[in-house]
Amino acid sequence: MRSMTQERIRQSLEPTRESLTHKFCVSNHEGYLTIGLYPDGTPGEIFIKMAKEGSTISGMVQAFCRAFSIALQYGLTVEDAVSRFKGMRFEPMGPTNNPQIPHASSVVDYVARFLESEFC
C-alpha cells in the first residue's frame, strides 16, 4: 500500500522553447544531444539522436531520455541526476571528441558529464 505523501505535479515545457544541441562522439558512436530548456534556462528534457537508428543502443538511449525527461519535469535536479548517472559503465565507452570530457564510460556517463559542465 502506498503511503500518503505529497503529490508531485509535472512541469511540462512550453510547446515552443529554447534548446541547446551538442554533437558528440563516444568511441566512434556519433550522436546529437538536445536539451530543452525552461524559461529560466534549466533543463527540462533531453533527446539523443544516435547515428545507428533502429539499433539496440539507439532504442536504449531513447528510453533513457524519456525517463530522464519525465524525472526532470517532476522535480529531479540536474545535480541529483548527474550524481546518479555519472560513472555508469557499459558499451559504447572510450575516447570522445570533447576535450573537456576526454573519455566516457558510456553514453549515459557522457550526458551526465556534459550536463554537469553546462548546468551545475
PDB file of N, CA and C in Angstrom:
ATOM      1  N   MET A   1       0.842  -1.181   0.000  1.00  0.00           N
ATOM      2  CA  MET A   1       0.000   0.000   0.000  1.00  0.00           C
ATOM      3  C   MET A   1       0.884   1.240   0.000  1.00  0.00           C
ATOM      4  N   ARG A   2       0.539   2.219  -0.821  1.00  0.00           N
ATOM      5  CA  ARG A   2       1.307   3.460  -0.918  1.00  0.00           C
ATOM      6  C   ARG A   2       1.029   4.336   0.292  1.00  0.00           C
ATOM      7  N   SER A   3       2.064   4.961   0.789  1.00  0.00           N
ATOM      8  CA  SER A   3       1.875   5.897   1.897  1.00  0.00           C
ATOM      9  C   SER A   3       1.315   7.210   1.353  1.00  0.00           C
ATOM     10  N   MET A   4       0.675   7.943   2.180  1.00  0.00           N
ATOM     11  CA  MET A   4       0.106   9.231   1.789  1.00  0.00           C
ATOM     12  C   MET A   4       1.219  10.271   1.811  1.00  0.00           C
ATOM     13  N   THR A   5       1.704  10.626   0.645  1.00  0.00           N
ATOM     14  CA  THR A   5       2.740  11.647   0.534  1.00  0.00           C
ATOM     15  C   THR A   5       2.225  12.752  -0.368  1.00  0.00           C
ATOM     16  N   GLN A   6       2.927  13.855  -0.348  1.00  0.00           N
ATOM     17  CA  GLN A   6       2.544  14.985  -1.183  1.00  0.00           C
ATOM     18  C   GLN A   6       2.678  14.603  -2.659  1.00  0.00           C
ATOM     19  N   GLU A   7       1.622  14.826  -3.415  1.00  0.00           N
ATOM     20  CA  GLU A   7       1.633  14.511  -4.832  1.00  0.00           C
ATOM     21  C   GLU A   7       2.472  15.536  -5.579  1.00  0.00           C
ATOM     22  N   ARG A   8       3.333  15.051  -6.443  1.00  0.00           N
ATOM     23  CA  ARG A   8       4.163  15.939  -7.261  1.00  0.00           C
ATOM     24  C   ARG A   8       3.415  16.270  -8.537  1.00  0.00           C
ATOM     25  N   ILE A   9       3.632  17.472  -9.023  1.00  0.00           N
ATOM     26  CA  ILE A   9       2.987  17.930 -10.247  1.00  0.00           C
ATOM     27  C   ILE A   9       4.039  18.043 -11.333  1.00  0.00           C
ATOM     28  N   ARG A  10       3.734  17.491 -12.480  1.00  0.00           N
ATOM     29  CA  ARG A  10       4.660  17.536 -13.604  1.00  0.00           C
ATOM     30  C   ARG A  10       4.654  18.923 -14.218  1.00  0.00           C
ATOM     31  N   GLN A  11       5.838  19.484 -14.395  1.00  0.00           N
ATOM     32  CA  GLN A  11       6.011  20.797 -15.002  1.00  0.00           C
ATOM     33  C   GLN A  11       6.520  20.614 -16.432  1.00  0.00           C
ATOM     34  N   SER A  12       5.588  20.446 -17.369  1.00  0.00           N
ATOM     35  CA  SER A  12       5.967  20.269 -18.768  1.00  0.00           C
ATOM     36  C   SER A  12       6.509  21.572 -19.335  1.00  0.00           C
ATOM     37  N   LEU A  13       7.308  21.451 -20.372  1.00  0.00           N
ATOM     38  CA  LEU A  13       7.842  22.634 -21.035  1.00  0.00           C
ATOM     39  C   LEU A  13       6.789  23.229 -21.961  1.00  0.00           C
ATOM     40  N   GLU A  14       6.988  24.498 -22.282  1.00  0.00           N
ATOM     41  CA  GLU A  14       6.111  25.177 -23.230  1.00  0.00           C
ATOM     42  C   GLU A  14       6.252  24.513 -24.601  1.00  0.00           C
ATOM     43  N   PRO A  15       5.216  24.590 -25.445  1.00  0.00           N
ATOM     44  CA  PRO A  15       5.309  23.971 -26.773  1.00  0.00           C
ATOM     45  C   PRO A  15       6.483  24.505 -27.610  1.00  0.00           C
ATOM     46  N   THR A  16       6.815  25.769 -27.452  1.00  0.00           N
ATOM     47  CA  THR A  16       7.982  26.354 -28.101  1.00  0.00           C
ATOM     48  C   THR A  16       8.935  26.771 -27.001  1.00  0.00           C
ATOM     49  N   ARG A  17      10.200  26.231 -27.071  1.00  0.00           N
ATOM     50  CA  ARG A  17      11.156  26.509 -26.003  1.00  0.00           C
ATOM     51  C   ARG A  17      12.550  26.617 -26.578  1.00  0.00           C
ATOM     52  N   GLU A  18      13.421  27.242 -25.825  1.00  0.00           N
ATOM     53  CA  GLU A  18      14.834  27.312 -26.186  1.00  0.00           C
ATOM     54  C   GLU A  18      15.450  25.935 -25.964  1.00  0.00           C
ATOM     55  N   SER A  19      16.542  25.670 -26.691  1.00  0.00           N
ATOM     56  CA  SER A  19      17.242  24.404 -26.503  1.00  0.00           C
ATOM     57  C   SER A  19      18.717  24.572 -26.847  1.00  0.00           C
ATOM     58  N   LEU A  20      19.477  23.587 -26.435  1.00  0.00           N
ATOM     59  CA  LEU A  20      20.907  23.510 -26.708  1.00  0.00           C
ATOM     60  C   LEU A  20      21.146  22.175 -27.392  1.00  0.00           C
ATOM     61  N   THR A  21      21.788  22.180 -28.556  1.00  0.00           N
ATOM     62  CA  THR A  21      22.114  20.940 -29.255  1.00  0.00           C
ATOM     63  C   THR A  21      23.624  20.787 -29.318  1.00  0.00           C
ATOM     64  N   HIS A  22      24.086  19.590 -28.992  1.00  0.00           N
ATOM     65  CA  HIS A  22      25.526  19.304 -28.895  1.00  0.00           C
ATOM     66  C   HIS A  22      25.830  18.006 -29.640  1.00  0.00           C
ATOM     67  N   LYS A  23      26.740  18.072 -30.609  1.00  0.00           N
ATOM     68  CA  LYS A  23      27.191  16.870 -31.314  1.00  0.00           C
ATOM     69  C   LYS A  23      28.296  16.220 -30.489  1.00  0.00           C
ATOM     70  N   PHE A  24      28.216  14.886 -30.352  1.00  0.00           N
ATOM     71  CA  PHE A  24      29.221  14.181 -29.568  1.00  0.00           C
ATOM     72  C   PHE A  24      29.593  12.869 -30.248  1.00  0.00           C
ATOM     73  N   CYS A  25      30.683  12.314 -29.790  1.00  0.00           N
ATOM     74  CA  CYS A  25      31.141  11.017 -30.280  1.00  0.00           C
ATOM     75  C   CYS A  25      31.778  10.285 -29.105  1.00  0.00           C
ATOM     76  N   VAL A  26      31.294   9.076 -28.835  1.00  0.00           N
ATOM     77  CA  VAL A  26      31.878   8.216 -27.815  1.00  0.00           C
ATOM     78  C   VAL A  26      32.308   6.938 -28.514  1.00  0.00           C
ATOM     79  N   SER A  27      33.610   6.715 -28.565  1.00  0.00           N
ATOM     80  CA  SER A  27      34.165   5.517 -29.187  1.00  0.00           C
ATOM     81  C   SER A  27      33.578   5.253 -30.577  1.00  0.00           C
ATOM     82  N   ASN A  28      33.638   6.258 -31.438  1.00  0.00           N
ATOM     83  CA  ASN A  28      33.165   6.183 -32.825  1.00  0.00           C
ATOM     84  C   ASN A  28      31.649   6.034 -32.973  1.00  0.00           C
ATOM     85  N   HIS A  29      30.896   6.235 -31.916  1.00  0.00           N
ATOM     86  CA  HIS A  29      29.430   6.259 -31.988  1.00  0.00           C
ATOM     87  C   HIS A  29      29.006   7.723 -31.903  1.00  0.00           C
ATOM     88  N   GLU A  30      28.566   8.282 -33.038  1.00  0.00           N
ATOM     89  CA  GLU A  30      28.172   9.686 -33.078  1.00  0.00           C
ATOM     90  C   GLU A  30      26.733   9.861 -32.631  1.00  0.00           C
ATOM     91  N   GLY A  31      26.484  11.025 -32.046  1.00  0.00           N
ATOM     92  CA  GLY A  31      25.131  11.356 -31.648  1.00  0.00           C
ATOM     93  C   GLY A  31      24.960  12.854 -31.479  1.00  0.00           C
ATOM     94  N   TYR A  32      23.714  13.253 -31.337  1.00  0.00           N
ATOM     95  CA  TYR A  32      23.359  14.642 -31.063  1.00  0.00           C
ATOM     96  C   TYR A  32      22.517  14.664 -29.797  1.00  0.00           C
ATOM     97  N   LEU A  33      22.939  15.451 -28.833  1.00  0.00           N
ATOM     98  CA  LEU A  33      22.213  15.645 -27.585  1.00  0.00           C
ATOM     99  C   LEU A  33      21.503  16.990 -27.669  1.00  0.00           C
ATOM    100  N   THR A  34      20.179  16.978 -27.524  1.00  0.00           N
ATOM    101  CA  THR A  34      19.412  18.219 -27.491  1.00  0.00           C
ATOM    102  C   THR A  34      18.774  18.332 -26.115  1.00  0.00           C
ATOM    103  N   ILE A  35      18.967  19.491 -25.487  1.00  0.00           N
ATOM    104  CA  ILE A  35      18.458  19.749 -24.146  1.00  0.00           C
ATOM    105  C   ILE A  35      17.426  20.855 -24.251  1.00  0.00           C
ATOM    106  N   GLY A  36      16.166  20.523 -23.974  1.00  0.00           N
ATOM    107  CA  GLY A  36      15.091  21.512 -23.959  1.00  0.00           C
ATOM    108  C   GLY A  36      15.123  22.266 -22.645  1.00  0.00           C
ATOM    109  N   LEU A  37      14.957  23.588 -22.708  1.00  0.00           N
ATOM    110  CA  LEU A  37      15.132  24.440 -21.527  1.00  0.00           C
ATOM    111  C   LEU A  37      13.837  25.114 -21.103  1.00  0.00           C
ATOM    112  N   TYR A  38      13.667  25.218 -19.788  1.00  0.00           N
ATOM    113  CA  TYR A  38      12.606  26.043 -19.224  1.00  0.00           C
ATOM    114  C   TYR A  38      12.957  27.516 -19.452  1.00  0.00           C
ATOM    115  N   PRO A  39      12.003  28.434 -19.296  1.00  0.00           N
ATOM    116  CA  PRO A  39      12.308  29.862 -19.489  1.00  0.00           C
ATOM    117  C   PRO A  39      13.465  30.373 -18.620  1.00  0.00           C
ATOM    118  N   ASP A  40      13.692  29.735 -17.444  1.00  0.00           N
ATOM    119  CA  ASP A  40      14.793  30.181 -16.584  1.00  0.00           C
ATOM    120  C   ASP A  40      16.146  29.592 -16.988  1.00  0.00           C
ATOM    121  N   GLY A  41      16.172  28.797 -18.080  1.00  0.00           N
ATOM    122  CA  GLY A  41      17.427  28.250 -18.577  1.00  0.00           C
ATOM    123  C   GLY A  41      17.804  26.893 -18.018  1.00  0.00           C
ATOM    124  N   THR A  42      16.974  26.312 -17.149  1.00  0.00           N
ATOM    125  CA  THR A  42      17.281  24.995 -16.609  1.00  0.00           C
ATOM    126  C   THR A  42      16.737  23.909 -17.531  1.00  0.00           C
ATOM    127  N   PRO A  43      17.410  22.761 -17.577  1.00  0.00           N
ATOM    128  CA  PRO A  43      16.959  21.671 -18.441  1.00  0.00           C
ATOM    129  C   PRO A  43      15.622  21.080 -17.993  1.00  0.00           C
ATOM    130  N   GLY A  44      14.785  20.773 -18.972  1.00  0.00           N
ATOM    131  CA  GLY A  44      13.502  20.150 -18.685  1.00  0.00           C
ATOM    132  C   GLY A  44      13.259  18.898 -19.492  1.00  0.00           C
ATOM    133  N   GLU A  45      14.138  18.629 -20.456  1.00  0.00           N
ATOM    134  CA  GLU A  45      14.028  17.410 -21.252  1.00  0.00           C
ATOM    135  C   GLU A  45      15.331  17.210 -22.006  1.00  0.00           C
ATOM    136  N   ILE A  46      15.586  15.956 -22.376  1.00  0.00           N
ATOM    137  CA  ILE A  46      16.736  15.667 -23.233  1.00  0.00           C
ATOM    138  C   ILE A  46      16.309  14.699 -24.335  1.00  0.00           C
ATOM    139  N   PHE A  47      16.947  14.848 -25.470  1.00  0.00           N
ATOM    140  CA  PHE A  47      16.773  13.940 -26.594  1.00  0.00           C
ATOM    141  C   PHE A  47      18.159  13.594 -27.106  1.00  0.00           C
ATOM    142  N   ILE A  48      18.340  12.344 -27.486  1.00  0.00           N
ATOM    143  CA  ILE A  48      19.594  11.934 -28.106  1.00  0.00           C
ATOM    144  C   ILE A  48      19.256  11.215 -29.395  1.00  0.00           C
ATOM    145  N   LYS A  49      19.882  11.654 -30.458  1.00  0.00           N
ATOM    146  CA  LYS A  49      19.748  11.010 -31.767  1.00  0.00           C
ATOM    147  C   LYS A  49      21.072  10.335 -32.056  1.00  0.00           C
ATOM    148  N   MET A  50      21.055   9.008 -32.094  1.00  0.00           N
ATOM    149  CA  MET A  50      22.264   8.244 -32.393  1.00  0.00           C
ATOM    150  C   MET A  50      22.309   7.943 -33.887  1.00  0.00           C
ATOM    151  N   ALA A  51      23.503   7.816 -34.414  1.00  0.00           N
ATOM    152  CA  ALA A  51      23.690   7.630 -35.849  1.00  0.00           C
ATOM    153  C   ALA A  51      23.089   6.320 -36.354  1.00  0.00           C
ATOM    154  N   LYS A  52      23.051   5.302 -35.530  1.00  0.00           N
ATOM    155  CA  LYS A  52      22.558   3.998 -35.965  1.00  0.00           C
ATOM    156  C   LYS A  52      21.108   3.812 -35.529  1.00  0.00           C
ATOM    157  N   GLU A  53      20.199   4.450 -36.249  1.00  0.00           N
ATOM    158  CA  GLU A  53      18.775   4.395 -35.927  1.00  0.00           C
ATOM    159  C   GLU A  53      18.284   2.955 -36.011  1.00  0.00           C
ATOM    160  N   GLY A  54      17.459   2.557 -35.039  1.00  0.00           N
ATOM    161  CA  GLY A  54      16.913   1.209 -35.022  1.00  0.00           C
ATOM    162  C   GLY A  54      17.786   0.212 -34.293  1.00  0.00           C
ATOM    163  N   SER A  55      18.980   0.621 -33.908  1.00  0.00           N
ATOM    164  CA  SER A  55      19.877  -0.283 -33.195  1.00  0.00           C
ATOM    165  C   SER A  55      19.460  -0.377 -31.731  1.00  0.00           C
ATOM    166  N   THR A  56      19.983  -1.370 -31.058  1.00  0.00           N
ATOM    167  CA  THR A  56      19.694  -1.538 -29.632  1.00  0.00           C
ATOM    168  C   THR A  56      20.156  -0.320 -28.848  1.00  0.00           C
ATOM    169  N   ILE A  57      21.355   0.180 -29.138  1.00  0.00           N
ATOM    170  CA  ILE A  57      21.861   1.342 -28.405  1.00  0.00           C
ATOM    171  C   ILE A  57      20.954   2.546 -28.622  1.00  0.00           C
ATOM    172  N   SER A  58      20.473   2.735 -29.832  1.00  0.00           N
ATOM    173  CA  SER A  58      19.575   3.854 -30.114  1.00  0.00           C
ATOM    174  C   SER A  58      18.282   3.727 -29.316  1.00  0.00           C
ATOM    175  N   GLY A  59      17.719   2.527 -29.282  1.00  0.00           N
ATOM    176  CA  GLY A  59      16.479   2.307 -28.527  1.00  0.00           C
ATOM    177  C   GLY A  59      16.664   2.509 -27.036  1.00  0.00           C
ATOM    178  N   MET A  60      17.754   2.007 -26.482  1.00  0.00           N
ATOM    179  CA  MET A  60      18.005   2.177 -25.043  1.00  0.00           C
ATOM    180  C   MET A  60      18.242   3.645 -24.704  1.00  0.00           C
ATOM    181  N   VAL A  61      18.932   4.354 -25.581  1.00  0.00           N
ATOM    182  CA  VAL A  61      19.172   5.778 -25.349  1.00  0.00           C
ATOM    183  C   VAL A  61      17.847   6.547 -25.371  1.00  0.00           C
ATOM    184  N   GLN A  62      16.949   6.217 -26.309  1.00  0.00           N
ATOM    185  CA  GLN A  62      15.646   6.885 -26.353  1.00  0.00           C
ATOM    186  C   GLN A  62      14.842   6.609 -25.085  1.00  0.00           C
ATOM    187  N   ALA A  63      14.885   5.370 -24.596  1.00  0.00           N
ATOM    188  CA  ALA A  63      14.180   5.036 -23.350  1.00  0.00           C
ATOM    189  C   ALA A  63      14.758   5.820 -22.176  1.00  0.00           C
ATOM    190  N   PHE A  64      16.089   5.903 -22.104  1.00  0.00           N
ATOM    191  CA  PHE A  64      16.748   6.678 -21.050  1.00  0.00           C
ATOM    192  C   PHE A  64      16.311   8.137 -21.104  1.00  0.00           C
ATOM    193  N   CYS A  65      16.271   8.711 -22.314  1.00  0.00           N
ATOM    194  CA  CYS A  65      15.891  10.120 -22.464  1.00  0.00           C
ATOM    195  C   CYS A  65      14.465  10.375 -21.988  1.00  0.00           C
ATOM    196  N   ARG A  66      13.548   9.505 -22.331  1.00  0.00           N
ATOM    197  CA  ARG A  66      12.163   9.684 -21.887  1.00  0.00           C
ATOM    198  C   ARG A  66      12.068   9.656 -20.366  1.00  0.00           C
ATOM    199  N   ALA A  67      12.689   8.652 -19.754  1.00  0.00           N
ATOM    200  CA  ALA A  67      12.643   8.542 -18.294  1.00  0.00           C
ATOM    201  C   ALA A  67      13.339   9.733 -17.638  1.00  0.00           C
ATOM    202  N   PHE A  68      14.484  10.126 -18.168  1.00  0.00           N
ATOM    203  CA  PHE A  68      15.239  11.260 -17.630  1.00  0.00           C
ATOM    204  C   PHE A  68      14.422  12.541 -17.726  1.00  0.00           C
ATOM    205  N   SER A  69      13.789  12.767 -18.877  1.00  0.00           N
ATOM    206  CA  SER A  69      12.995  13.985 -19.085  1.00  0.00           C
ATOM    207  C   SER A  69      11.810  14.040 -18.129  1.00  0.00           C
ATOM    208  N   ILE A  70      11.112  12.934 -17.976  1.00  0.00           N
ATOM    209  CA  ILE A  70       9.971  12.904 -17.053  1.00  0.00           C
ATOM    210  C   ILE A  70      10.441  13.165 -15.627  1.00  0.00           C
ATOM    211  N   ALA A  71      11.572  12.580 -15.244  1.00  0.00           N
ATOM    212  CA  ALA A  71      12.110  12.819 -13.905  1.00  0.00           C
ATOM    213  C   ALA A  71      12.434  14.294 -13.692  1.00  0.00           C
ATOM    214  N   LEU A  72      13.039  14.947 -14.680  1.00  0.00           N
ATOM    215  CA  LEU A  72      13.319  16.388 -14.564  1.00  0.00           C
ATOM    216  C   LEU A  72      12.015  17.174 -14.396  1.00  0.00           C
ATOM    217  N   GLN A  73      10.996  16.799 -15.160  1.00  0.00           N
ATOM    218  CA  GLN A  73       9.727  17.528 -15.113  1.00  0.00           C
ATOM    219  C   GLN A  73       8.974  17.309 -13.806  1.00  0.00           C
ATOM    220  N   TYR A  74       9.295  16.239 -13.087  1.00  0.00           N
ATOM    221  CA  TYR A  74       8.702  16.001 -11.777  1.00  0.00           C
ATOM    222  C   TYR A  74       9.591  16.502 -10.638  1.00  0.00           C
ATOM    223  N   GLY A  75      10.703  17.160 -10.968  1.00  0.00           N
ATOM    224  CA  GLY A  75      11.482  17.813  -9.931  1.00  0.00           C
ATOM    225  C   GLY A  75      12.876  17.272  -9.660  1.00  0.00           C
ATOM    226  N   LEU A  76      13.325  16.232 -10.363  1.00  0.00           N
ATOM    227  CA  LEU A  76      14.699  15.779 -10.184  1.00  0.00           C
ATOM    228  C   LEU A  76      15.634  16.905 -10.592  1.00  0.00           C
ATOM    229  N   THR A  77      16.580  17.240  -9.747  1.00  0.00           N
ATOM    230  CA  THR A  77      17.525  18.302 -10.093  1.00  0.00           C
ATOM    231  C   THR A  77      18.627  17.745 -10.991  1.00  0.00           C
ATOM    232  N   VAL A  78      19.240  18.622 -11.757  1.00  0.00           N
ATOM    233  CA  VAL A  78      20.350  18.209 -12.610  1.00  0.00           C
ATOM    234  C   VAL A  78      21.475  17.650 -11.741  1.00  0.00           C
ATOM    235  N   GLU A  79      21.722  18.265 -10.593  1.00  0.00           N
ATOM    236  CA  GLU A  79      22.778  17.788  -9.691  1.00  0.00           C
ATOM    237  C   GLU A  79      22.507  16.354  -9.238  1.00  0.00           C
ATOM    238  N   ASP A  80      21.262  16.062  -8.858  1.00  0.00           N
ATOM    239  CA  ASP A  80      20.912  14.698  -8.446  1.00  0.00           C
ATOM    240  C   ASP A  80      21.046  13.722  -9.611  1.00  0.00           C
ATOM    241  N   ALA A  81      20.608  14.131 -10.791  1.00  0.00           N
ATOM    242  CA  ALA A  81      20.713  13.273 -11.969  1.00  0.00           C
ATOM    243  C   ALA A  81      22.178  12.969 -12.266  1.00  0.00           C
ATOM    244  N   VAL A  82      23.006  13.995 -12.243  1.00  0.00           N
ATOM    245  CA  VAL A  82      24.429  13.807 -12.515  1.00  0.00           C
ATOM    246  C   VAL A  82      25.033  12.823 -11.523  1.00  0.00           C
ATOM    247  N   SER A  83      24.704  12.963 -10.239  1.00  0.00           N
ATOM    248  CA  SER A  83      25.285  12.076  -9.230  1.00  0.00           C
ATOM    249  C   SER A  83      24.854  10.625  -9.433  1.00  0.00           C
ATOM    250  N   ARG A  84      23.681  10.407  -9.998  1.00  0.00           N
ATOM    251  CA  ARG A  84      23.189   9.051 -10.217  1.00  0.00           C
ATOM    252  C   ARG A  84      23.695   8.423 -11.519  1.00  0.00           C
ATOM    253  N   PHE A  85      23.905   9.228 -12.568  1.00  0.00           N
ATOM    254  CA  PHE A  85      24.256   8.684 -13.875  1.00  0.00           C
ATOM    255  C   PHE A  85      25.735   8.790 -14.228  1.00  0.00           C
ATOM    256  N   LYS A  86      26.437   9.711 -13.609  1.00  0.00           N
ATOM    257  CA  LYS A  86      27.861   9.878 -13.894  1.00  0.00           C
ATOM    258  C   LYS A  86      28.616   8.633 -13.430  1.00  0.00           C
ATOM    259  N   GLY A  87      29.438   8.114 -14.313  1.00  0.00           N
ATOM    260  CA  GLY A  87      30.245   6.948 -13.966  1.00  0.00           C
ATOM    261  C   GLY A  87      29.622   5.619 -14.355  1.00  0.00           C
ATOM    262  N   MET A  88      28.386   5.611 -14.877  1.00  0.00           N
ATOM    263  CA  MET A  88      27.798   4.346 -15.324  1.00  0.00           C
ATOM    264  C   MET A  88      28.670   3.785 -16.440  1.00  0.00           C
ATOM    265  N   ARG A  89      28.884   2.483 -16.382  1.00  0.00           N
ATOM    266  CA  ARG A  89      29.873   1.868 -17.267  1.00  0.00           C
ATOM    267  C   ARG A  89      29.247   0.759 -18.109  1.00  0.00           C
ATOM    268  N   PHE A  90      29.201   0.976 -19.440  1.00  0.00           N
ATOM    269  CA  PHE A  90      28.777  -0.048 -20.392  1.00  0.00           C
ATOM    270  C   PHE A  90      29.105   0.452 -21.797  1.00  0.00           C
ATOM    271  N   GLU A  91      29.071  -0.434 -22.766  1.00  0.00           N
ATOM    272  CA  GLU A  91      29.395  -0.085 -24.155  1.00  0.00           C
ATOM    273  C   GLU A  91      28.293   0.759 -24.781  1.00  0.00           C
ATOM    274  N   PRO A  92      28.635   1.653 -25.682  1.00  0.00           N
ATOM    275  CA  PRO A  92      29.991   2.017 -26.074  1.00  0.00           C
ATOM    276  C   PRO A  92      30.652   2.896 -25.022  1.00  0.00           C
ATOM    277  N   MET A  93      31.929   2.706 -24.851  1.00  0.00           N
ATOM    278  CA  MET A  93      32.740   3.517 -23.945  1.00  0.00           C
ATOM    279  C   MET A  93      34.058   3.801 -24.632  1.00  0.00           C
ATOM    280  N   GLY A  94      34.730   4.844 -24.181  1.00  0.00           N
ATOM    281  CA  GLY A  94      36.037   5.134 -24.753  1.00  0.00           C
ATOM    282  C   GLY A  94      36.258   6.612 -24.967  1.00  0.00           C
ATOM    283  N   PRO A  95      37.192   6.939 -25.872  1.00  0.00           N
ATOM    284  CA  PRO A  95      37.526   8.338 -26.101  1.00  0.00           C
ATOM    285  C   PRO A  95      36.358   9.097 -26.733  1.00  0.00           C
ATOM    286  N   THR A  96      36.319  10.388 -26.472  1.00  0.00           N
ATOM    287  CA  THR A  96      35.283  11.261 -27.027  1.00  0.00           C
ATOM    288  C   THR A  96      35.945  12.337 -27.879  1.00  0.00           C
ATOM    289  N   ASN A  97      35.122  13.123 -28.548  1.00  0.00           N
ATOM    290  CA  ASN A  97      35.639  14.246 -29.338  1.00  0.00           C
ATOM    291  C   ASN A  97      35.576  15.559 -28.556  1.00  0.00           C
ATOM    292  N   ASN A  98      35.326  15.485 -27.256  1.00  0.00           N
ATOM    293  CA  ASN A  98      35.183  16.665 -26.413  1.00  0.00           C
ATOM    294  C   ASN A  98      36.403  16.785 -25.494  1.00  0.00           C
ATOM    295  N   PRO A  99      37.241  17.816 -25.666  1.00  0.00           N
ATOM    296  CA  PRO A  99      38.429  17.947 -24.824  1.00  0.00           C
ATOM    297  C   PRO A  99      38.113  18.111 -23.331  1.00  0.00           C
ATOM    298  N   GLN A 100      36.918  18.600 -22.999  1.00  0.00           N
ATOM    299  CA  GLN A 100      36.532  18.737 -21.584  1.00  0.00           C
ATOM    300  C   GLN A 100      36.128  17.388 -20.978  1.00  0.00           C
ATOM    301  N   ILE A 101      35.746  16.440 -21.840  1.00  0.00           N
ATOM    302  CA  ILE A 101      35.357  15.097 -21.397  1.00  0.00           C
ATOM    303  C   ILE A 101      36.115  14.118 -22.303  1.00  0.00           C
ATOM    304  N   PRO A 102      37.396  13.907 -22.064  1.00  0.00           N
ATOM    305  CA  PRO A 102      38.206  13.124 -23.000  1.00  0.00           C
ATOM    306  C   PRO A 102      37.840  11.640 -23.073  1.00  0.00           C
ATOM    307  N   HIS A 103      37.216  11.102 -22.028  1.00  0.00           N
ATOM    308  CA  HIS A 103      36.857   9.684 -22.002  1.00  0.00           C
ATOM    309  C   HIS A 103      35.501   9.549 -21.302  1.00  0.00           C
ATOM    310  N   ALA A 104      34.661   8.673 -21.832  1.00  0.00           N
ATOM    311  CA  ALA A 104      33.363   8.405 -21.198  1.00  0.00           C
ATOM    312  C   ALA A 104      33.222   6.901 -21.010  1.00  0.00           C
ATOM    313  N   SER A 105      32.653   6.503 -19.878  1.00  0.00           N
ATOM    314  CA  SER A 105      32.460   5.079 -19.604  1.00  0.00           C
ATOM    315  C   SER A 105      31.132   4.564 -20.168  1.00  0.00           C
ATOM    316  N   SER A 106      30.348   5.445 -20.807  1.00  0.00           N
ATOM    317  CA  SER A 106      29.106   5.089 -21.504  1.00  0.00           C
ATOM    318  C   SER A 106      28.524   6.374 -22.083  1.00  0.00           C
ATOM    319  N   VAL A 107      27.509   6.240 -22.927  1.00  0.00           N
ATOM    320  CA  VAL A 107      26.811   7.424 -23.430  1.00  0.00           C
ATOM    321  C   VAL A 107      26.111   8.130 -22.266  1.00  0.00           C
ATOM    322  N   VAL A 108      25.549   7.373 -21.344  1.00  0.00           N
ATOM    323  CA  VAL A 108      24.883   7.958 -20.174  1.00  0.00           C
ATOM    324  C   VAL A 108      25.883   8.745 -19.333  1.00  0.00           C
ATOM    325  N   ASP A 109      27.076   8.198 -19.125  1.00  0.00           N
ATOM    326  CA  ASP A 109      28.130   8.911 -18.400  1.00  0.00           C
ATOM    327  C   ASP A 109      28.487  10.202 -19.128  1.00  0.00           C
ATOM    328  N   TYR A 110      28.606  10.150 -20.454  1.00  0.00           N
ATOM    329  CA  TYR A 110      28.926  11.352 -21.228  1.00  0.00           C
ATOM    330  C   TYR A 110      27.858  12.426 -21.038  1.00  0.00           C
ATOM    331  N   VAL A 111      26.595  12.042 -21.148  1.00  0.00           N
ATOM    332  CA  VAL A 111      25.496  13.002 -20.985  1.00  0.00           C
ATOM    333  C   VAL A 111      25.533  13.618 -19.592  1.00  0.00           C
ATOM    334  N   ALA A 112      25.734  12.815 -18.576  1.00  0.00           N
ATOM    335  CA  ALA A 112      25.808  13.332 -17.201  1.00  0.00           C
ATOM    336  C   ALA A 112      26.952  14.332 -17.062  1.00  0.00           C
ATOM    337  N   ARG A 113      28.106  14.004 -17.596  1.00  0.00           N
ATOM    338  CA  ARG A 113      29.253  14.902 -17.507  1.00  0.00           C
ATOM    339  C   ARG A 113      29.036  16.188 -18.294  1.00  0.00           C
ATOM    340  N   PHE A 114      28.377  16.082 -19.452  1.00  0.00           N
ATOM    341  CA  PHE A 114      28.090  17.279 -20.241  1.00  0.00           C
ATOM    342  C   PHE A 114      27.094  18.171 -19.493  1.00  0.00           C
ATOM    343  N   LEU A 115      26.038  17.590 -18.946  1.00  0.00           N
ATOM    344  CA  LEU A 115      25.077  18.370 -18.161  1.00  0.00           C
ATOM    345  C   LEU A 115      25.753  19.031 -16.962  1.00  0.00           C
ATOM    346  N   GLU A 116      26.641  18.311 -16.318  1.00  0.00           N
ATOM    347  CA  GLU A 116      27.378  18.870 -15.178  1.00  0.00           C
ATOM    348  C   GLU A 116      28.193  20.080 -15.619  1.00  0.00           C
ATOM    349  N   SER A 117      28.881  19.968 -16.754  1.00  0.00           N
ATOM    350  CA  SER A 117      29.733  21.074 -17.211  1.00  0.00           C
ATOM    351  C   SER A 117      28.922  22.292 -17.637  1.00  0.00           C
ATOM    352  N   GLU A 118      27.723  22.076 -18.165  1.00  0.00           N
ATOM    353  CA  GLU A 118      26.909  23.174 -18.669  1.00  0.00           C
ATOM    354  C   GLU A 118      25.936  23.770 -17.639  1.00  0.00           C
ATOM    355  N   PHE A 119      25.469  22.966 -16.677  1.00  0.00           N
ATOM    356  CA  PHE A 119      24.360  23.422 -15.827  1.00  0.00           C
ATOM    357  C   PHE A 119      24.604  23.320 -14.326  1.00  0.00           C
ATOM    358  N   CYS A 120      25.729  22.782 -13.885  1.00  0.00           N
ATOM    359  CA  CYS A 120      25.975  22.667 -12.436  1.00  0.00           C
ATOM    360  C   CYS A 120      27.025  23.672 -11.987  1.00  0.00           C
TER     361      CYS A 120
END
